[in-house]
N, C-alpha and C. Protein backbone atom coordinates (compact mmCIF):
# COMPACT_ATOMS: atom_id res chain seq x y z
N UNK A 1 0.62 -1.25 -0.06
CA UNK A 1 0.07 -0.10 -0.12
C UNK A 1 0.96 1.31 0.14
N UNK A 2 2.00 1.36 0.40
CA UNK A 2 2.94 2.45 0.07
C UNK A 2 3.30 2.78 -0.85
N UNK A 3 3.21 4.16 -1.13
CA UNK A 3 3.23 4.47 -2.70
C UNK A 3 2.14 4.97 -3.59
N UNK A 4 1.28 4.79 -3.03
CA UNK A 4 -0.20 5.21 -3.63
C UNK A 4 -0.15 6.61 -3.90
N UNK A 5 0.20 7.19 -3.09
CA UNK A 5 0.58 8.78 -3.15
C UNK A 5 2.03 8.87 -2.77
N UNK A 6 2.90 9.36 -3.63
CA UNK A 6 4.35 9.58 -3.50
C UNK A 6 4.38 10.58 -2.30
N UNK A 7 4.02 11.57 -2.06
CA UNK A 7 4.15 12.51 -1.19
C UNK A 7 3.60 12.16 0.28
N UNK A 8 2.41 11.35 0.17
CA UNK A 8 1.90 11.00 1.62
C UNK A 8 1.85 9.67 1.94
N UNK A 9 3.08 8.29 1.41
CA UNK A 9 2.81 7.25 1.58
C UNK A 9 2.91 7.00 2.92
N UNK A 10 3.50 7.73 3.80
CA UNK A 10 4.17 7.39 5.20
C UNK A 10 2.66 7.29 5.96
N UNK A 11 2.04 8.23 5.70
CA UNK A 11 0.56 8.24 6.16
C UNK A 11 -0.25 7.06 5.92
N UNK A 12 -0.32 6.50 4.66
CA UNK A 12 -1.15 5.24 4.41
C UNK A 12 -0.38 4.19 5.05
N UNK A 13 0.77 4.12 5.51
CA UNK A 13 1.46 2.97 6.26
C UNK A 13 1.02 3.08 7.67
N UNK A 14 0.45 4.21 8.21
CA UNK A 14 0.26 4.51 9.55
C UNK A 14 -1.27 4.11 9.80
N UNK A 15 -1.86 4.13 8.76
CA UNK A 15 -3.24 3.93 8.60
C UNK A 15 -3.94 2.63 7.98
N UNK A 16 -3.23 1.63 8.49
CA UNK A 16 -3.44 0.39 7.91
C UNK A 16 -4.87 -0.17 8.34
N UNK A 17 -5.23 0.21 9.44
CA UNK A 17 -6.68 -0.33 10.29
C UNK A 17 -7.38 0.50 9.78
N UNK A 18 -7.39 1.60 9.21
CA UNK A 18 -8.57 2.49 8.96
C UNK A 18 -8.07 2.62 7.11
N UNK A 19 -7.71 1.60 6.41
CA UNK A 19 -7.28 1.72 5.36
C UNK A 19 -8.58 2.25 4.29
N UNK A 20 -9.70 1.80 4.39
CA UNK A 20 -10.63 2.54 3.52
C UNK A 20 -10.68 3.88 3.62
N UNK A 21 -10.94 4.33 4.95
CA UNK A 21 -11.07 5.73 4.67
C UNK A 21 -10.11 6.47 4.74
N UNK A 22 -8.75 6.40 5.07
CA UNK A 22 -7.43 7.04 4.60
C UNK A 22 -7.20 6.85 3.38
N UNK A 23 -7.47 5.73 2.66
CA UNK A 23 -7.06 5.52 1.42
C UNK A 23 -7.76 6.37 0.59
N UNK A 24 -9.31 6.54 0.61
CA UNK A 24 -9.79 7.45 -0.20
C UNK A 24 -9.94 9.05 -0.10
N UNK A 25 -9.63 9.38 1.59
CA UNK A 25 -9.10 10.44 1.59
C UNK A 25 -8.01 10.96 1.29
N UNK A 26 -7.12 10.44 1.18
CA UNK A 26 -5.82 10.75 0.28
C UNK A 26 -6.20 11.00 -1.05
N UNK A 27 -6.48 9.98 -1.64
CA UNK A 27 -6.95 10.09 -3.37
C UNK A 27 -7.88 11.31 -3.50
N UNK A 28 -8.57 11.50 -2.72
CA UNK A 28 -9.47 12.59 -2.82
C UNK A 28 -8.67 13.79 -2.79
N UNK A 29 -8.13 13.95 -1.70
CA UNK A 29 -7.34 15.31 -1.56
C UNK A 29 -6.39 15.50 -2.27
N UNK A 30 -5.44 14.59 -2.75
CA UNK A 30 -4.11 14.70 -3.61
C UNK A 30 -4.54 14.21 -4.92
N UNK A 31 -5.67 13.79 -5.54
CA UNK A 31 -5.75 13.38 -6.74
C UNK A 31 -5.27 11.85 -6.73
N UNK A 32 -5.75 11.29 -8.00
CA UNK A 32 -5.36 9.77 -8.11
C UNK A 32 -4.16 9.53 -9.05
N UNK A 33 -3.27 8.89 -8.98
CA UNK A 33 -2.27 8.43 -9.76
C UNK A 33 -2.86 7.74 -10.64
N UNK A 34 -2.36 7.66 -11.97
CA UNK A 34 -3.07 6.83 -12.86
C UNK A 34 -2.66 5.30 -12.51
N UNK A 35 -1.50 5.05 -11.91
CA UNK A 35 -1.44 3.59 -11.61
C UNK A 35 -2.49 3.10 -10.58
N UNK A 36 -2.86 3.87 -9.52
CA UNK A 36 -3.79 3.72 -8.58
C UNK A 36 -5.17 3.43 -9.22
N UNK A 37 -5.43 4.50 -9.78
CA UNK A 37 -6.82 4.26 -10.50
C UNK A 37 -6.91 2.92 -11.36
N UNK A 38 -6.02 2.52 -12.10
CA UNK A 38 -5.92 1.53 -12.82
C UNK A 38 -6.05 0.29 -12.02
N UNK A 39 -5.46 0.26 -10.56
CA UNK A 39 -5.47 -1.07 -9.92
C UNK A 39 -7.09 -1.25 -9.43
N UNK A 40 -7.68 0.30 -9.15
CA UNK A 40 -9.19 0.47 -8.45
C UNK A 40 -10.12 0.05 -9.40
N UNK A 41 -9.88 0.30 -10.86
CA UNK A 41 -11.08 0.30 -11.90
C UNK A 41 -11.50 -1.12 -11.69
N UNK A 42 -10.87 -2.24 -11.63
CA UNK A 42 -11.41 -3.54 -11.80
C UNK A 42 -12.46 -3.88 -10.73
N UNK A 43 -11.87 -3.40 -9.50
CA UNK A 43 -12.83 -3.78 -8.26
C UNK A 43 -13.86 -3.13 -8.36
N UNK A 44 -14.03 -1.60 -8.79
CA UNK A 44 -15.05 -1.20 -8.86
C UNK A 44 -16.17 -1.58 -10.01
N UNK A 45 -15.59 -2.22 -11.13
CA UNK A 45 -16.25 -2.86 -12.29
C UNK A 45 -17.04 -3.99 -11.64
N UNK A 46 -15.89 -4.97 -10.93
CA UNK A 46 -16.71 -5.93 -10.38
C UNK A 46 -17.83 -5.63 -9.08
N UNK A 47 -17.83 -4.67 -8.41
CA UNK A 47 -18.70 -4.30 -7.53
C UNK A 47 -20.02 -4.08 -8.37
N UNK A 48 -19.87 -3.13 -9.40
CA UNK A 48 -21.31 -2.83 -10.10
C UNK A 48 -21.78 -3.80 -10.42
N UNK A 49 -21.25 -4.97 -11.24
CA UNK A 49 -21.50 -5.92 -11.58
C UNK A 49 -22.22 -6.77 -10.79
N UNK A 50 -21.67 -7.12 -9.44
CA UNK A 50 -22.27 -7.83 -8.30
C UNK A 50 -23.56 -7.16 -8.57
N UNK A 51 -23.57 -6.02 -7.93
CA UNK A 51 -25.08 -5.12 -7.78
C UNK A 51 -26.04 -5.49 -8.90
N UNK A 52 -25.77 -5.43 -10.21
CA UNK A 52 -26.34 -5.65 -11.33
C UNK A 52 -27.09 -6.76 -11.23
N UNK A 53 -26.42 -7.84 -11.25
CA UNK A 53 -26.74 -9.09 -11.16
C UNK A 53 -27.43 -9.60 -9.74
N UNK A 54 -27.37 -9.07 -8.71
CA UNK A 54 -28.63 -8.92 -7.67
C UNK A 54 -29.73 -8.37 -8.05
N UNK A 55 -29.88 -7.84 -9.01
CA UNK A 55 -30.95 -7.25 -9.27
C UNK A 55 -31.70 -7.89 -10.60
N UNK A 56 -31.06 -9.09 -10.89
CA UNK A 56 -31.74 -9.90 -11.64
C UNK A 56 -31.31 -10.10 -13.07
N UNK A 57 -30.23 -9.60 -13.24
CA UNK A 57 -29.47 -9.79 -14.83
C UNK A 57 -28.51 -10.86 -14.74
N UNK A 58 -28.36 -11.75 -15.46
CA UNK A 58 -27.50 -12.70 -16.01
C UNK A 58 -25.94 -12.35 -15.83
N UNK A 59 -24.98 -12.80 -15.68
CA UNK A 59 -23.46 -12.47 -15.83
C UNK A 59 -23.45 -11.91 -17.25
N UNK A 60 -23.43 -12.73 -18.10
CA UNK A 60 -23.31 -12.31 -19.28
C UNK A 60 -23.94 -10.94 -20.01
N UNK A 61 -25.29 -10.85 -19.55
CA UNK A 61 -26.18 -9.67 -20.01
C UNK A 61 -25.59 -8.67 -19.15
N UNK A 62 -25.40 -8.26 -17.76
CA UNK A 62 -24.92 -7.52 -17.12
C UNK A 62 -23.27 -7.07 -17.64
N UNK A 63 -22.44 -7.83 -17.94
CA UNK A 63 -21.48 -7.39 -18.60
C UNK A 63 -21.64 -6.80 -19.92
N UNK A 64 -22.34 -7.01 -20.60
CA UNK A 64 -22.81 -6.69 -22.11
C UNK A 64 -23.33 -5.47 -21.79
N UNK A 65 -24.26 -5.10 -20.79
CA UNK A 65 -24.76 -4.08 -20.72
C UNK A 65 -23.94 -2.90 -20.14
N UNK A 66 -22.90 -3.32 -19.13
CA UNK A 66 -22.26 -2.18 -18.49
C UNK A 66 -21.09 -1.78 -19.56
N UNK A 67 -20.46 -2.65 -20.38
CA UNK A 67 -19.43 -2.35 -21.32
C UNK A 67 -19.88 -1.50 -22.61
N UNK A 68 -21.26 -1.56 -23.04
CA UNK A 68 -21.92 -1.01 -23.88
C UNK A 68 -22.32 0.31 -23.36
N UNK A 69 -21.94 0.72 -22.09
CA UNK A 69 -22.90 2.06 -21.35
C UNK A 69 -21.92 3.29 -21.59
N UNK A 70 -22.81 4.29 -21.23
CA UNK A 70 -21.97 5.74 -21.21
C UNK A 70 -21.61 5.65 -19.81
N UNK A 71 -22.42 4.85 -18.71
CA UNK A 71 -21.82 5.01 -17.26
C UNK A 71 -20.47 4.44 -17.24
N UNK A 72 -20.24 3.21 -18.15
CA UNK A 72 -18.90 2.48 -18.05
C UNK A 72 -17.82 3.60 -18.68
N UNK A 73 -18.35 4.23 -19.59
CA UNK A 73 -17.13 5.20 -20.02
C UNK A 73 -16.85 6.57 -19.12
N UNK A 74 -17.86 6.55 -18.65
CA UNK A 74 -17.65 7.66 -17.21
C UNK A 74 -16.76 7.08 -16.06
N UNK A 75 -17.07 6.02 -15.69
CA UNK A 75 -16.36 5.36 -14.88
C UNK A 75 -15.09 5.11 -15.16
N UNK A 76 -14.65 4.57 -16.25
CA UNK A 76 -13.34 4.73 -16.74
C UNK A 76 -12.40 5.82 -16.92
N UNK A 77 -12.98 7.00 -16.89
CA UNK A 77 -12.50 8.19 -16.63
C UNK A 77 -12.15 8.92 -15.34
N UNK A 78 -10.86 8.85 -15.02
CA UNK A 78 -10.60 9.51 -13.49
C UNK A 78 -10.99 10.67 -13.45
N UNK A 79 -11.12 11.52 -14.50
CA UNK A 79 -11.39 12.83 -14.44
C UNK A 79 -12.97 13.14 -13.94
N UNK A 80 -13.75 12.05 -14.23
CA UNK A 80 -15.32 12.45 -13.92
C UNK A 80 -15.46 12.09 -12.50
N UNK A 81 -14.40 11.72 -11.97
CA UNK A 81 -14.81 11.04 -10.21
C UNK A 81 -15.88 10.33 -10.32
N UNK A 82 -16.40 9.33 -11.21
CA UNK A 82 -17.43 8.62 -10.96
C UNK A 82 -17.18 7.36 -9.94
N UNK A 83 -15.88 6.92 -9.95
CA UNK A 83 -15.19 5.85 -9.30
C UNK A 83 -15.75 6.10 -7.88
N UNK A 84 -15.61 7.39 -7.54
CA UNK A 84 -15.85 7.76 -5.81
C UNK A 84 -17.35 7.41 -5.56
N UNK A 85 -18.01 7.41 -6.26
CA UNK A 85 -19.76 6.52 -5.85
C UNK A 85 -19.69 5.13 -5.68
N UNK A 86 -20.76 4.82 -4.89
CA UNK A 86 -20.57 3.19 -4.54
C UNK A 86 -21.17 2.57 -5.91
N UNK A 87 -20.89 1.32 -5.63
CA UNK A 87 -21.11 0.36 -6.62
C UNK A 87 -22.30 0.20 -6.93
N UNK A 88 -23.33 0.32 -5.63
CA UNK A 88 -24.81 0.22 -5.58
C UNK A 88 -25.19 1.30 -6.29
N UNK A 89 -24.93 2.62 -5.90
CA UNK A 89 -25.32 3.70 -6.69
C UNK A 89 -25.14 3.53 -8.52
N UNK A 90 -23.80 3.23 -8.73
CA UNK A 90 -23.41 2.81 -10.15
C UNK A 90 -24.18 1.93 -10.80
N UNK A 91 -24.67 1.20 -9.92
CA UNK A 91 -25.38 0.00 -10.71
C UNK A 91 -27.22 0.33 -10.85
N UNK A 92 -27.56 1.16 -10.09
CA UNK A 92 -28.59 1.82 -10.14
C UNK A 92 -28.55 2.52 -11.67
N UNK A 93 -27.69 3.56 -11.55
CA UNK A 93 -27.53 4.33 -12.78
C UNK A 93 -27.57 3.45 -13.94
N UNK A 94 -26.75 2.41 -13.93
CA UNK A 94 -26.68 1.74 -15.12
C UNK A 94 -27.90 0.98 -15.36
N UNK A 95 -28.59 0.64 -14.63
CA UNK A 95 -29.81 -0.04 -14.82
C UNK A 95 -31.09 0.97 -15.45
N UNK A 96 -30.87 2.33 -14.85
CA UNK A 96 -31.80 3.18 -15.34
C UNK A 96 -31.23 3.67 -16.74
N UNK A 97 -29.96 3.84 -17.35
CA UNK A 97 -29.26 4.14 -18.47
C UNK A 97 -30.18 2.55 -19.43
N UNK A 98 -29.94 1.64 -18.95
CA UNK A 98 -30.31 0.40 -19.65
C UNK A 98 -31.78 0.58 -20.27
N UNK A 99 -32.47 0.94 -18.91
CA UNK A 99 -34.22 0.93 -19.27
C UNK A 99 -34.56 2.16 -19.90
N UNK A 100 -33.69 3.29 -19.75
CA UNK A 100 -34.52 4.83 -20.30
C UNK A 100 -34.00 5.08 -21.48
N UNK A 101 -32.53 4.38 -21.65
CA UNK A 101 -31.71 4.97 -22.57
C UNK A 101 -30.60 6.37 -22.40
N UNK A 102 -31.20 6.50 -21.29
CA UNK A 102 -30.44 8.02 -20.85
C UNK A 102 -29.28 7.89 -19.88
N UNK A 103 -28.10 8.23 -19.78
CA UNK A 103 -27.41 8.43 -18.57
C UNK A 103 -27.35 9.57 -17.88
N UNK A 104 -27.75 9.55 -16.69
CA UNK A 104 -27.49 10.75 -15.89
C UNK A 104 -26.33 10.86 -14.76
N UNK A 105 -25.77 11.68 -14.39
CA UNK A 105 -24.85 12.03 -13.58
C UNK A 105 -25.50 11.82 -12.12
N UNK A 106 -25.09 11.40 -11.07
CA UNK A 106 -25.73 11.45 -9.70
C UNK A 106 -25.74 12.95 -9.04
N UNK A 107 -26.91 13.06 -8.30
CA UNK A 107 -26.97 14.22 -7.93
C UNK A 107 -25.53 14.33 -6.59
N UNK A 108 -25.05 15.48 -6.54
CA UNK A 108 -24.10 15.54 -5.38
C UNK A 108 -24.59 15.97 -3.96
């Protein structure tokens, strides 16, 4: 975990027990390095797929809907900060996009 944020890697080492909170707070405050974003993206995608499948979609359909969506394009762009939202919320947005054909950003 050391090295996620070059300037604050010592902070991550000291916050092992509070990893989720400290990790995301540091990323939010300092900006995310490309390597870190690329490491977190598959976890976020897996979380979205998990929730979509829990809502009744089979695996292949869920994957196809996600990869063909505007939501996926947005989540894959670090600049949009869509990765910050919960996988559950992103799954809801994906299902809304599939059902209505319209992609909307969540309200802040």
